[in-house]
Amino acid sequence: QVQLVESGGGLVQAGGSLRLSCVASGSRFSINGMGWYRQAPGNQRELVARITSDGRTIYADSVKGRFTISGDNAKNTVDLQMNSLKPEDTAVYYCNRVTAFGPILPWGQGTQVTVSS
């Protein structure tokens, strides 16, 4: 069973940058099919970036051009580089495997991102 641990969150001013990291352990892991989700208070969890099964990257419109997802199979990591952060990016960020049935791995604890105006 894969276990996910997210890190890299913090408090940053609007316009700033953060780099989130997700480390997977416990089983064979491929970055293809992985994604980053976020959940703001009172909102549902939403998918913001993912790597498809054939290695393409797809982004939600709200983060397109500002966020970049990448990964390293050798290190079992999936990262999310977040630039030009906005207050509306404030949320807890999680990684998970994206499938047609939704995220299928046990959720990690997430990492809090807070963007001040």
Protein backbone atom coordinates (compact mmCIF):
# COMPACT_ATOMS: atom_id res chain seq x y z
CA GLN A 1 0.00 0.00 0.00
CA VAL A 2 1.42 3.37 -1.03
CA GLN A 3 1.72 6.01 1.66
CA LEU A 4 1.83 9.68 0.70
CA VAL A 5 3.57 12.44 2.62
CA GLU A 6 3.23 16.04 1.47
CA SER A 7 5.51 18.89 2.53
CA GLY A 8 6.67 22.35 1.53
CA GLY A 9 3.68 24.46 2.45
CA GLY A 10 3.83 27.67 4.39
CA LEU A 11 2.84 31.31 4.60
CA VAL A 12 3.75 33.49 1.65
CA GLN A 13 2.75 36.90 0.37
CA ALA A 14 0.75 37.28 -2.79
CA GLY A 15 3.03 37.04 -5.80
CA GLY A 16 5.40 34.72 -4.02
CA SER A 17 6.35 31.12 -4.72
CA LEU A 18 6.36 27.77 -2.98
CA ARG A 19 7.43 24.32 -4.00
CA LEU A 20 5.44 21.40 -2.65
CA SER A 21 6.74 17.87 -2.55
CA CYS A 22 4.95 14.55 -2.26
CA VAL A 23 6.91 11.44 -1.32
CA ALA A 24 5.37 8.02 -1.89
CA SER A 25 6.49 4.97 0.00
CA GLY A 26 5.38 1.42 0.57
CA SER A 27 4.89 0.08 -2.93
CA ARG A 28 5.87 0.43 -6.55
CA PHE A 29 5.28 3.98 -7.66
CA SER A 30 4.99 5.82 -10.96
CA ILE A 31 4.63 9.56 -11.29
CA ASN A 32 2.39 9.05 -14.30
CA GLY A 33 -1.16 9.28 -13.12
CA MET A 34 -0.34 11.37 -10.06
CA GLY A 35 -1.93 14.68 -9.30
CA TRP A 36 -2.13 17.50 -6.80
CA TYR A 37 -5.42 18.41 -5.15
CA ARG A 38 -6.33 21.24 -2.83
CA GLN A 39 -9.10 21.93 -0.37
CA ALA A 40 -9.94 25.37 0.93
CA PRO A 41 -12.13 25.83 4.03
CA GLY A 42 -15.76 25.22 3.17
CA ASN A 43 -14.91 23.96 -0.31
CA GLN A 44 -14.69 20.54 -1.87
CA ARG A 45 -11.33 19.07 -2.70
CA GLU A 46 -10.35 19.97 -6.27
CA LEU A 47 -7.76 18.66 -8.67
CA VAL A 48 -5.37 21.41 -9.74
CA ALA A 49 -2.63 19.57 -11.65
CA ARG A 50 -1.93 16.08 -12.87
CA ILE A 51 0.42 13.98 -14.94
CA THR A 52 -1.45 11.74 -17.35
CA SER A 53 -0.67 8.07 -17.95
CA ASP A 54 1.34 9.05 -21.02
CA GLY A 55 3.26 11.78 -19.24
CA ARG A 56 1.38 14.91 -20.27
CA THR A 57 0.63 17.60 -17.71
CA ILE A 58 -2.83 19.08 -17.28
CA TYR A 59 -3.82 22.02 -15.11
CA ALA A 60 -6.98 23.56 -13.80
CA ASP A 61 -7.72 26.90 -15.45
CA SER A 62 -7.28 28.65 -12.11
CA VAL A 63 -3.60 27.68 -11.88
CA LYS A 64 -2.60 27.35 -15.53
CA GLY A 65 0.56 29.29 -16.30
CA ARG A 66 1.44 29.63 -12.61
CA PHE A 67 1.81 26.05 -11.33
CA THR A 68 4.04 23.30 -12.69
CA ILE A 69 3.79 19.63 -11.75
CA SER A 70 6.81 17.37 -12.12
CA GLY A 71 8.11 14.17 -10.68
CA ASP A 72 11.00 11.79 -10.28
CA ASN A 73 10.34 8.05 -10.47
CA ALA A 74 13.75 7.26 -8.99
CA LYS A 75 12.96 9.31 -5.89
CA ASN A 76 9.24 8.47 -5.73
CA THR A 77 8.39 12.15 -5.60
CA VAL A 78 5.88 14.42 -7.28
CA ASP A 79 6.41 18.16 -6.90
CA LEU A 80 4.25 21.20 -7.48
CA GLN A 81 6.02 24.48 -8.21
CA MET A 82 3.66 27.33 -7.46
CA ASN A 83 4.49 30.82 -8.70
CA SER A 84 2.59 34.10 -8.65
CA LEU A 85 0.54 32.87 -5.74
CA LYS A 86 -2.79 34.49 -5.00
CA PRO A 87 -4.85 34.61 -1.80
CA GLU A 88 -7.36 32.29 -3.45
CA ASP A 89 -4.66 29.61 -3.65
CA THR A 90 -4.86 29.29 0.13
CA ALA A 91 -5.76 25.69 0.90
CA VAL A 92 -4.45 22.39 2.15
CA TYR A 93 -2.68 20.64 -0.72
CA TYR A 94 -2.63 16.88 -1.21
CA CYS A 95 -1.23 14.49 -3.78
CA ASN A 96 -2.93 11.32 -4.94
CA ARG A 97 -3.29 9.04 -7.90
CA VAL A 98 -5.88 10.30 -10.36
CA THR A 99 -8.15 7.72 -11.97
CA ALA A 100 -11.50 7.65 -13.74
CA PHE A 101 -12.95 6.59 -10.38
CA GLY A 102 -11.32 9.49 -8.57
CA PRO A 103 -8.33 9.47 -6.22
CA ILE A 104 -7.63 5.92 -5.08
CA LEU A 105 -4.79 6.08 -2.55
CA PRO A 106 -5.14 6.78 1.17
CA TRP A 107 -4.86 10.52 1.69
CA GLY A 108 -1.79 11.94 3.36
CA GLN A 109 -1.95 14.69 5.93
CA GLY A 110 -1.60 17.39 3.30
CA THR A 111 0.42 20.57 3.52
CA GLN A 112 -1.07 23.98 4.31
CA VAL A 113 -0.49 26.85 1.91
CA THR A 114 -1.53 30.30 3.07
CA VAL A 115 -1.20 33.30 0.77
CA SER A 116 -1.58 36.71 2.35
CA SER A 117 -2.72 39.74 0.41
